[in-house]
Protein backbone atom coordinates (compact mmCIF):
# COMPACT_ATOMS: atom_id res chain seq x y z
CA UNK A 1 0.00 0.00 0.00
CA UNK A 2 2.72 2.50 0.94
CA UNK A 3 4.92 4.37 -1.52
CA UNK A 4 8.43 5.20 -0.31
CA UNK A 5 9.91 7.98 -2.46
CA UNK A 6 13.23 8.28 -0.57
CA UNK A 7 15.02 4.96 -0.11
CA UNK A 8 18.73 4.17 -0.58
CA UNK A 9 18.07 0.65 -1.77
CA UNK A 10 20.68 -0.23 -4.35
CA UNK A 11 23.98 -1.72 -3.36
CA UNK A 12 27.40 -0.43 -4.33
CA UNK A 13 26.16 2.99 -5.48
CA UNK A 14 26.28 5.19 -2.38
CA UNK A 15 26.31 4.83 1.42
CA UNK A 16 23.37 2.43 1.38
CA UNK A 17 23.78 -1.37 1.17
CA UNK A 18 27.18 -2.60 0.10
CA UNK A 19 26.09 -5.99 -1.22
CA UNK A 20 23.17 -7.42 -3.16
CA UNK A 21 22.37 -9.69 -0.21
CA UNK A 22 21.87 -6.59 1.92
CA UNK A 23 19.62 -5.10 -0.77
CA UNK A 24 17.58 -8.29 -0.63
CA UNK A 25 17.14 -7.93 3.13
CA UNK A 26 16.03 -4.32 2.64
CA UNK A 27 13.48 -5.38 0.05
CA UNK A 28 12.03 -8.04 2.34
CA UNK A 29 11.86 -5.56 5.21
CA UNK A 30 10.14 -2.94 3.03
CA UNK A 31 7.55 -5.50 1.94
CA UNK A 32 6.96 -6.42 5.59
CA UNK A 33 6.37 -2.70 6.25
CA UNK A 34 3.59 -2.68 3.67
CA UNK A 35 5.52 -0.87 0.93
CA UNK A 36 4.45 -1.63 -2.63
CA UNK A 37 6.47 1.01 -4.52
CA UNK A 38 9.98 2.29 -3.86
CA UNK A 39 11.95 5.05 -5.57
CA UNK A 40 15.59 3.98 -5.36
CA UNK A 41 17.09 7.38 -4.56
CA UNK A 42 20.85 6.97 -4.59
CA UNK A 43 22.90 10.07 -3.82
CA UNK A 44 23.93 12.35 -6.68
CA UNK A 45 26.27 15.36 -6.54
CA UNK A 46 25.99 17.01 -9.97
CA UNK A 47 29.18 18.63 -11.21
CA UNK A 48 31.26 17.14 -8.42
CA UNK A 49 31.06 13.44 -9.17
CA UNK A 50 29.58 11.74 -12.23
CA UNK A 51 26.45 9.75 -11.43
CA UNK A 52 27.20 6.01 -12.04
CA UNK A 53 24.19 5.55 -14.32
CA UNK A 54 25.19 2.24 -15.88
CA UNK A 55 25.87 0.56 -12.52
CA UNK A 56 22.78 2.14 -10.97
CA UNK A 57 20.43 0.88 -13.71
CA UNK A 58 22.04 -2.58 -13.70
CA UNK A 59 21.57 -2.92 -9.95
CA UNK A 60 18.00 -1.59 -10.17
CA UNK A 61 17.11 -4.22 -12.80
CA UNK A 62 18.74 -6.92 -10.67
CA UNK A 63 16.69 -5.88 -7.64
CA UNK A 64 13.43 -5.80 -9.61
CA UNK A 65 14.10 -9.21 -11.15
CA UNK A 66 14.77 -10.65 -7.70
CA UNK A 67 11.51 -9.19 -6.34
CA UNK A 68 9.57 -10.70 -9.22
CA UNK A 69 11.23 -14.09 -8.77
CA UNK A 70 10.47 -14.08 -5.04
CA UNK A 71 6.86 -13.01 -5.54
CA UNK A 72 7.36 -9.78 -3.62
CA UNK A 73 4.70 -7.23 -4.53
CA UNK A 74 7.24 -4.44 -4.97
CA UNK A 75 7.87 -2.12 -7.87
CA UNK A 76 11.13 -0.17 -7.92
CA UNK A 77 11.28 3.20 -9.66
CA UNK A 78 14.46 4.97 -10.71
CA UNK A 79 15.48 8.25 -9.13
CA UNK A 80 18.10 9.89 -6.97
CA UNK A 81 18.60 12.31 -4.10
CA UNK A 82 20.33 15.34 -5.58
CA UNK A 83 22.65 17.41 -3.44
CA UNK A 84 21.98 20.84 -4.89
CA UNK A 85 24.98 22.34 -6.68
CA UNK A 86 25.28 25.11 -9.24
CA UNK A 87 25.42 22.42 -11.93
CA UNK A 88 22.24 20.64 -10.82
CA UNK A 89 19.73 22.46 -13.07
CA UNK A 90 21.77 21.89 -16.23
CA UNK A 91 22.70 18.27 -15.58
CA UNK A 92 19.15 17.35 -14.57
CA UNK A 93 17.83 19.05 -17.69
CA UNK A 94 20.33 17.13 -19.83
CA UNK A 95 19.19 13.84 -18.29
CA UNK A 96 22.55 13.06 -16.71
CA UNK A 97 20.92 12.65 -13.29
CA UNK A 98 17.71 10.60 -12.89
CA UNK A 99 14.53 12.25 -11.68
CA UNK A 100 11.86 10.52 -9.60
CA UNK A 101 10.30 7.73 -11.68
CA UNK A 102 11.32 9.48 -14.92
CA UNK A 103 8.98 12.39 -14.18
CA UNK A 104 9.71 16.12 -13.99
CA UNK A 105 10.05 15.81 -10.22
CA UNK A 106 13.40 15.86 -8.45
CA UNK A 107 14.28 15.07 -4.83
CA UNK A 108 16.76 17.69 -3.64
CA UNK A 109 18.84 17.95 -0.48
CA UNK A 110 20.96 20.75 0.93
CA UNK A 111 23.54 21.26 3.64
CA UNK A 112 21.80 21.86 6.99
CA UNK A 113 23.26 25.37 7.35
CA UNK A 114 22.52 26.54 3.80
CA UNK A 115 20.83 29.96 3.92
CA UNK A 116 17.25 30.46 2.87
CA UNK A 117 18.42 32.32 -0.24
CA UNK A 118 20.19 29.17 -1.42
CA UNK A 119 17.00 27.14 -1.09
CA UNK A 120 15.07 29.79 -3.02
CA UNK A 121 17.73 29.87 -5.73
CA UNK A 122 17.48 26.12 -6.17
CA UNK A 123 13.69 26.20 -6.35
CA UNK A 124 13.73 29.07 -8.84
CA UNK A 125 16.41 27.71 -11.18
CA UNK A 126 15.10 24.15 -11.15
CA UNK A 127 11.60 25.49 -11.68
CA UNK A 128 12.83 27.47 -14.68
CA UNK A 129 13.96 24.16 -16.18
CA UNK A 130 10.49 22.73 -15.66
CA UNK A 131 11.14 20.65 -12.55
CA UNK A 132 8.95 20.27 -9.49
CA UNK A 133 11.19 20.28 -6.41
CA UNK A 134 10.68 17.94 -3.47
CA UNK A 135 12.93 18.98 -0.60
CA UNK A 136 14.32 15.92 1.15
CA UNK A 137 14.16 15.57 4.95
CA UNK A 138 13.11 19.18 5.51
CA UNK A 139 13.56 18.83 9.26
CA UNK A 140 17.34 19.10 8.80
CA UNK A 141 17.49 22.65 7.45
CA UNK A 142 17.89 25.55 9.84
CA UNK A 143 16.34 27.96 7.34
CA UNK A 144 13.07 26.03 7.43
CA UNK A 145 12.62 26.34 11.17
CA UNK A 146 10.84 29.57 10.17
CA UNK A 147 7.35 28.64 8.99
CA UNK A 148 7.29 31.87 6.95
CA UNK A 149 10.17 30.50 4.90
CA UNK A 150 8.30 27.23 4.42
CA UNK A 151 5.20 29.12 3.27
CA UNK A 152 7.22 31.21 0.81
CA UNK A 153 8.86 28.19 -0.80
CA UNK A 154 5.53 26.44 -1.18
CA UNK A 155 3.55 29.44 -2.41
CA UNK A 156 6.14 31.22 -4.55
CA UNK A 157 7.96 28.24 -6.05
CA UNK A 158 5.60 25.28 -5.68
CA UNK A 159 8.10 23.35 -3.57
CA UNK A 160 6.90 20.13 -1.94
CA UNK A 161 8.21 18.89 1.40
CA UNK A 162 9.33 15.42 2.48
CA UNK A 163 9.86 14.44 6.13
CA UNK A 164 11.67 11.33 7.34
CA UNK A 165 9.69 8.71 9.23
CA UNK A 166 12.18 8.72 12.08
CA UNK A 167 11.34 12.34 12.85
CA UNK A 168 7.79 11.30 13.63
CA UNK A 169 8.73 8.14 15.51
CA UNK A 170 11.19 9.55 18.04
CA UNK A 171 11.23 12.58 20.26
CA UNK A 172 13.58 15.33 19.12
CA UNK A 173 13.11 17.82 21.92
CA UNK A 174 10.31 20.27 22.72
CA UNK A 175 11.04 22.86 20.01
CA UNK A 176 11.62 20.33 17.25
CA UNK A 177 8.56 18.29 18.20
CA UNK A 178 6.43 21.46 18.20
CA UNK A 179 7.79 22.45 14.77
CA UNK A 180 7.03 18.98 13.41
CA UNK A 181 3.47 19.13 14.72
CA UNK A 182 2.86 22.56 13.20
CA UNK A 183 4.29 21.48 9.85
CA UNK A 184 1.86 18.59 9.66
CA UNK A 185 -1.16 20.40 11.09
CA UNK A 186 -0.65 23.31 8.66
CA UNK A 187 -0.44 20.93 5.70
CA UNK A 188 3.17 21.83 4.92
CA UNK A 189 4.39 18.24 4.74
CA UNK A 190 3.46 16.47 1.51
CA UNK A 191 5.22 13.12 1.98
CA UNK A 192 6.80 10.98 4.63
CA UNK A 193 9.53 8.61 3.51
CA UNK A 194 11.96 6.23 5.14
CA UNK A 195 15.32 7.52 3.86
CA UNK A 196 16.33 3.92 4.55
CA UNK A 197 19.99 2.94 4.21
CA UNK A 198 19.93 -0.48 5.89
CA UNK A 199 17.78 -2.75 8.05
CA UNK A 200 19.30 -1.83 11.41
CA UNK A 201 20.23 1.77 12.22
CA UNK A 202 18.30 3.35 9.32
CA UNK A 203 15.53 0.92 8.32
CA UNK A 204 12.33 1.40 6.38
CA UNK A 205 9.57 2.18 8.89
CA UNK A 206 6.62 3.20 6.74
CA UNK A 207 4.08 1.00 8.56
CA UNK A 208 5.15 2.31 11.96
CA UNK A 209 5.01 5.87 10.67
CA UNK A 210 1.55 5.37 9.20
CA UNK A 211 0.28 4.05 12.53
CA UNK A 212 1.76 7.04 14.37
CA UNK A 213 0.20 9.50 11.92
CA UNK A 214 -3.14 7.69 12.07
CA UNK A 215 -3.18 7.84 15.86
CA UNK A 216 -2.14 11.47 16.18
CA UNK A 217 -3.57 13.16 13.08
CA UNK A 218 -6.22 10.81 11.70
CA UNK A 219 -6.75 8.53 8.74
CA UNK A 220 -7.01 11.26 6.10
CA UNK A 221 -3.61 12.72 6.95
CA UNK A 222 -1.97 9.30 7.30
CA UNK A 223 -3.25 8.19 3.91
CA UNK A 224 -2.20 11.41 2.20
CA UNK A 225 1.34 11.44 3.58
CA UNK A 226 2.08 7.73 3.14
CA UNK A 227 0.68 6.92 -0.29
CA UNK A 228 -2.00 9.17 -1.81
CA UNK A 229 0.23 12.19 -2.44
CA UNK A 230 3.04 9.94 -3.63
CA UNK A 231 0.87 8.26 -6.24
CA UNK A 232 -0.16 11.67 -7.59
CA UNK A 233 3.47 12.80 -7.61
CA UNK A 234 4.70 9.84 -9.65
CA UNK A 235 2.11 10.66 -12.32
CA UNK A 236 3.40 14.21 -12.92
C-alpha cells in the first residue's frame, strides 16, 4: 500500500547497502512494512562526481528481477537524491541525473546550514527548467525552522516537502517536536519517507510511521502522507 519515495536501496552505489544480499534484506523488510512502490534514490552530486548511471540501472534491474522471482509485490522506480549544486539544473535538464520515476520531479537535499536564499535559488532555477522540487528531509534545514520560509517556498515556487519517518517516531526535543506538529497540522508536509539505508540503524519504517500518523492526526492525513500524495506525484 505505501509508496516510499526516498530509499537508498541499491547496493554499491552510495552509502546504502554494500552488497546485493543486503539489498535483498532491505526489500524483504520494506515488503513487511507494507511498501508496494519504492523510488531507489541513490545520492547524486551534480558537477562534483559523475552519477554512475550504468551501474545504478544494472543494480535496479537486478533488484526488480529478484523481487519478481520471489513473488514480492514491490515495484522499484528509478530516481536519486540530488545534493543541490550550481550544476544541478543543467545536468538534470540534460538527463545526466535521474529524476523521480522518470517524471519532472526531483528530490533535492541541501547542507543543513545553507541559507534560505540558497533554497530559493534552487527552487527558482530548477523550476525554470520545468522541474517540481521535493525537498528531502526538511527537518534538517535551519532555514526552514521559520514557517514563513516554508510558506514562501511552497507558495512562490511550488516546492513540496518530504519528512523522514524517524522524525515522527522519536522525540527530538520540545522545540523540534512542536515544529514537526505545526508542519503537519498546517499541511506543509506532503510526503513521509523512510530515507532507509539499511535494516538496522536506518531501516524502512513506513508502517510504523503510518500508525503514528493515524493515531495522532487521523486517517485522512496518514493516507495522504504515506501513499496518496506519492501516487499523484509519480504521475506528474
